[in-house]
Amino acid sequence: SDVHMPEMSGLELCKTIKEDIETNHIYFIIVTADLLEATENKGLNFGADEYITKPFDKTKLLNKITTILNYQQKIRKYFNSLGE
């Protein structure tokens, strides 16, 4: 079932998260049924890191997430090593 956010759209949520210095590091993936290129560009302009249209391959999405998490772990290890 689809999740609906009555207070704000997903794009507005993305923009709010990316504009806040406390949360702008959060990787944001927009998953939508909207196929319009203008909407994709708007999402990317609002700070989305990835934009995926439905239907999508679940394995591909999981691989993207795994890659992101591994990359963030490498960055964390690198910056932790600088403080040693």
N, C-alpha and C. Protein backbone atom coordinates (compact mmCIF):
# COMPACT_ATOMS: atom_id res chain seq x y z
N SER A 1 0.84 -1.19 0.00
CA SER A 1 0.00 0.00 0.00
C SER A 1 0.88 1.25 0.00
N ASP A 2 0.39 2.28 -0.62
CA ASP A 2 1.13 3.54 -0.69
C ASP A 2 1.01 4.30 0.62
N VAL A 3 2.07 5.00 0.96
CA VAL A 3 2.07 5.84 2.14
C VAL A 3 1.80 7.26 1.68
N HIS A 4 0.84 7.92 2.31
CA HIS A 4 0.51 9.29 1.95
C HIS A 4 0.89 10.21 3.10
N MET A 5 1.51 11.33 2.77
CA MET A 5 1.93 12.30 3.78
C MET A 5 1.09 13.56 3.59
N PRO A 6 0.05 13.73 4.39
CA PRO A 6 -0.85 14.85 4.18
C PRO A 6 -0.23 16.22 4.47
N GLU A 7 0.75 16.30 5.35
CA GLU A 7 1.31 17.59 5.74
C GLU A 7 2.21 18.18 4.66
N MET A 8 2.95 17.32 3.95
CA MET A 8 3.86 17.80 2.91
C MET A 8 4.14 16.69 1.93
N SER A 9 4.56 17.08 0.74
CA SER A 9 4.90 16.07 -0.26
C SER A 9 6.29 15.51 0.03
N GLY A 10 6.62 14.42 -0.65
CA GLY A 10 7.96 13.84 -0.51
C GLY A 10 9.04 14.81 -0.95
N LEU A 11 8.75 15.58 -2.00
CA LEU A 11 9.72 16.58 -2.46
C LEU A 11 9.94 17.66 -1.41
N GLU A 12 8.86 18.09 -0.77
CA GLU A 12 8.98 19.09 0.29
C GLU A 12 9.75 18.54 1.48
N LEU A 13 9.50 17.28 1.82
CA LEU A 13 10.24 16.63 2.91
C LEU A 13 11.73 16.57 2.57
N CYS A 14 12.04 16.19 1.35
CA CYS A 14 13.42 16.13 0.90
C CYS A 14 14.08 17.50 1.04
N LYS A 15 13.42 18.52 0.56
CA LYS A 15 13.97 19.88 0.61
C LYS A 15 14.21 20.31 2.06
N THR A 16 13.25 20.02 2.93
CA THR A 16 13.37 20.38 4.34
C THR A 16 14.57 19.68 4.98
N ILE A 17 14.73 18.40 4.70
CA ILE A 17 15.85 17.62 5.25
C ILE A 17 17.18 18.15 4.72
N LYS A 18 17.25 18.42 3.44
CA LYS A 18 18.51 18.84 2.82
C LYS A 18 18.89 20.28 3.16
N GLU A 19 17.94 21.10 3.58
CA GLU A 19 18.24 22.49 3.94
C GLU A 19 18.68 22.64 5.39
N ASP A 20 18.47 21.60 6.20
CA ASP A 20 18.81 21.66 7.62
C ASP A 20 20.20 21.08 7.83
N ILE A 21 21.09 21.87 8.44
CA ILE A 21 22.47 21.43 8.65
C ILE A 21 22.56 20.18 9.53
N GLU A 22 21.56 19.96 10.36
CA GLU A 22 21.54 18.79 11.24
C GLU A 22 21.16 17.50 10.50
N THR A 23 20.48 17.63 9.36
CA THR A 23 19.98 16.45 8.67
C THR A 23 20.42 16.36 7.20
N ASN A 24 21.14 17.33 6.69
CA ASN A 24 21.45 17.35 5.26
C ASN A 24 22.41 16.25 4.81
N HIS A 25 23.00 15.53 5.75
CA HIS A 25 23.88 14.42 5.40
C HIS A 25 23.10 13.14 5.09
N ILE A 26 21.81 13.13 5.40
CA ILE A 26 20.99 11.94 5.19
C ILE A 26 20.80 11.71 3.69
N TYR A 27 21.10 10.51 3.25
CA TYR A 27 20.96 10.15 1.84
C TYR A 27 19.48 9.99 1.55
N PHE A 28 18.99 10.65 0.52
CA PHE A 28 17.56 10.69 0.24
C PHE A 28 17.28 10.08 -1.13
N ILE A 29 16.49 9.02 -1.14
CA ILE A 29 16.08 8.36 -2.38
C ILE A 29 14.58 8.59 -2.56
N ILE A 30 14.20 9.22 -3.66
CA ILE A 30 12.79 9.40 -3.96
C ILE A 30 12.35 8.25 -4.86
N VAL A 31 11.28 7.56 -4.44
CA VAL A 31 10.68 6.49 -5.24
C VAL A 31 9.28 6.97 -5.58
N THR A 32 8.98 7.04 -6.88
CA THR A 32 7.72 7.62 -7.31
C THR A 32 7.19 6.95 -8.57
N ALA A 33 5.90 7.12 -8.79
CA ALA A 33 5.29 6.65 -10.03
C ALA A 33 5.27 7.76 -11.08
N ASP A 34 5.67 8.96 -10.69
CA ASP A 34 5.67 10.11 -11.59
C ASP A 34 6.83 9.99 -12.58
N LEU A 35 6.51 9.86 -13.85
CA LEU A 35 7.53 9.63 -14.87
C LEU A 35 8.01 10.92 -15.54
N LEU A 36 7.46 12.07 -15.15
CA LEU A 36 7.83 13.32 -15.80
C LEU A 36 9.27 13.71 -15.48
N GLU A 37 10.02 14.04 -16.52
CA GLU A 37 11.41 14.45 -16.33
C GLU A 37 11.49 15.73 -15.50
N ALA A 38 10.50 16.60 -15.65
CA ALA A 38 10.48 17.85 -14.88
C ALA A 38 10.37 17.57 -13.39
N THR A 39 9.61 16.55 -13.03
CA THR A 39 9.48 16.18 -11.61
C THR A 39 10.79 15.60 -11.10
N GLU A 40 11.44 14.78 -11.91
CA GLU A 40 12.74 14.23 -11.52
C GLU A 40 13.75 15.36 -11.31
N ASN A 41 13.79 16.31 -12.23
CA ASN A 41 14.71 17.44 -12.08
C ASN A 41 14.40 18.25 -10.83
N LYS A 42 13.11 18.41 -10.53
CA LYS A 42 12.71 19.14 -9.32
C LYS A 42 13.21 18.40 -8.08
N GLY A 43 13.05 17.07 -8.08
CA GLY A 43 13.51 16.27 -6.94
C GLY A 43 15.01 16.40 -6.75
N LEU A 44 15.75 16.34 -7.84
CA LEU A 44 17.21 16.47 -7.75
C LEU A 44 17.60 17.88 -7.32
N ASN A 45 16.87 18.89 -7.79
CA ASN A 45 17.13 20.27 -7.37
C ASN A 45 16.82 20.47 -5.89
N PHE A 46 15.87 19.70 -5.36
CA PHE A 46 15.53 19.79 -3.95
C PHE A 46 16.52 19.03 -3.08
N GLY A 47 17.48 18.35 -3.72
CA GLY A 47 18.53 17.70 -2.96
C GLY A 47 18.48 16.19 -2.93
N ALA A 48 17.53 15.58 -3.63
CA ALA A 48 17.46 14.11 -3.64
C ALA A 48 18.76 13.54 -4.20
N ASP A 49 19.25 12.49 -3.58
CA ASP A 49 20.48 11.86 -4.04
C ASP A 49 20.21 10.85 -5.14
N GLU A 50 19.03 10.26 -5.11
CA GLU A 50 18.62 9.29 -6.13
C GLU A 50 17.15 9.52 -6.42
N TYR A 51 16.75 9.19 -7.63
CA TYR A 51 15.36 9.33 -8.05
C TYR A 51 15.00 8.08 -8.83
N ILE A 52 14.10 7.27 -8.30
CA ILE A 52 13.75 6.00 -8.90
C ILE A 52 12.25 5.99 -9.21
N THR A 53 11.90 5.60 -10.43
CA THR A 53 10.50 5.54 -10.80
C THR A 53 9.97 4.12 -10.69
N LYS A 54 8.70 4.02 -10.31
CA LYS A 54 8.01 2.73 -10.22
C LYS A 54 7.53 2.35 -11.61
N PRO A 55 7.43 1.09 -11.92
CA PRO A 55 7.94 -0.02 -11.12
C PRO A 55 9.46 -0.09 -11.22
N PHE A 56 10.08 -0.64 -10.21
CA PHE A 56 11.53 -0.73 -10.20
C PHE A 56 11.96 -2.11 -9.74
N ASP A 57 13.17 -2.45 -10.03
CA ASP A 57 13.75 -3.73 -9.64
C ASP A 57 14.20 -3.64 -8.19
N LYS A 58 13.61 -4.43 -7.32
CA LYS A 58 13.94 -4.38 -5.89
C LYS A 58 15.41 -4.73 -5.63
N THR A 59 15.94 -5.66 -6.39
CA THR A 59 17.34 -6.04 -6.23
C THR A 59 18.26 -4.86 -6.55
N LYS A 60 17.93 -4.14 -7.60
CA LYS A 60 18.72 -2.96 -7.98
C LYS A 60 18.68 -1.91 -6.87
N LEU A 61 17.50 -1.68 -6.29
CA LEU A 61 17.39 -0.71 -5.20
C LEU A 61 18.20 -1.16 -3.99
N LEU A 62 18.11 -2.44 -3.63
CA LEU A 62 18.89 -2.95 -2.49
C LEU A 62 20.39 -2.85 -2.75
N ASN A 63 20.81 -3.09 -3.99
CA ASN A 63 22.23 -2.94 -4.33
C ASN A 63 22.68 -1.48 -4.20
N LYS A 64 21.83 -0.54 -4.61
CA LYS A 64 22.16 0.88 -4.47
C LYS A 64 22.32 1.24 -3.00
N ILE A 65 21.38 0.77 -2.17
CA ILE A 65 21.43 1.07 -0.74
C ILE A 65 22.68 0.46 -0.11
N THR A 66 23.01 -0.77 -0.46
CA THR A 66 24.21 -1.42 0.06
C THR A 66 25.46 -0.64 -0.33
N THR A 67 25.53 -0.21 -1.57
CA THR A 67 26.67 0.59 -2.04
C THR A 67 26.79 1.88 -1.25
N ILE A 68 25.67 2.54 -1.01
CA ILE A 68 25.66 3.80 -0.26
C ILE A 68 26.15 3.57 1.16
N LEU A 69 25.63 2.53 1.82
CA LEU A 69 26.02 2.24 3.20
C LEU A 69 27.50 1.88 3.30
N ASN A 70 28.00 1.10 2.35
CA ASN A 70 29.42 0.75 2.34
C ASN A 70 30.29 1.99 2.14
N TYR A 71 29.88 2.87 1.25
CA TYR A 71 30.61 4.11 0.99
C TYR A 71 30.65 4.98 2.25
N GLN A 72 29.49 5.11 2.91
CA GLN A 72 29.44 5.92 4.12
C GLN A 72 30.33 5.32 5.21
N GLN A 73 30.39 4.01 5.30
CA GLN A 73 31.24 3.35 6.28
C GLN A 73 32.71 3.63 6.00
N LYS A 74 33.10 3.61 4.72
CA LYS A 74 34.48 3.91 4.35
C LYS A 74 34.84 5.36 4.70
N ILE A 75 33.92 6.27 4.44
CA ILE A 75 34.17 7.68 4.78
C ILE A 75 34.32 7.85 6.29
N ARG A 76 33.43 7.18 7.04
CA ARG A 76 33.48 7.27 8.50
C ARG A 76 34.82 6.75 9.02
N LYS A 77 35.29 5.61 8.48
CA LYS A 77 36.57 5.04 8.90
C LYS A 77 37.71 6.00 8.56
N TYR A 78 37.65 6.61 7.40
CA TYR A 78 38.69 7.54 6.98
C TYR A 78 38.79 8.72 7.94
N PHE A 79 37.64 9.34 8.24
CA PHE A 79 37.66 10.51 9.11
C PHE A 79 38.00 10.13 10.56
N ASN A 80 37.60 8.95 10.99
CA ASN A 80 37.99 8.49 12.32
C ASN A 80 39.49 8.28 12.40
N SER A 81 40.12 7.80 11.31
CA SER A 81 41.57 7.59 11.31
C SER A 81 42.33 8.89 11.36
N LEU A 82 41.74 9.98 10.91
CA LEU A 82 42.41 11.30 10.96
C LEU A 82 42.54 11.79 12.38
N GLY A 83 41.60 11.38 13.24
CA GLY A 83 41.61 11.84 14.62
C GLY A 83 42.51 11.03 15.52
N GLU A 84 43.10 9.97 15.01
CA GLU A 84 43.94 9.09 15.84
C GLU A 84 45.34 9.60 15.97
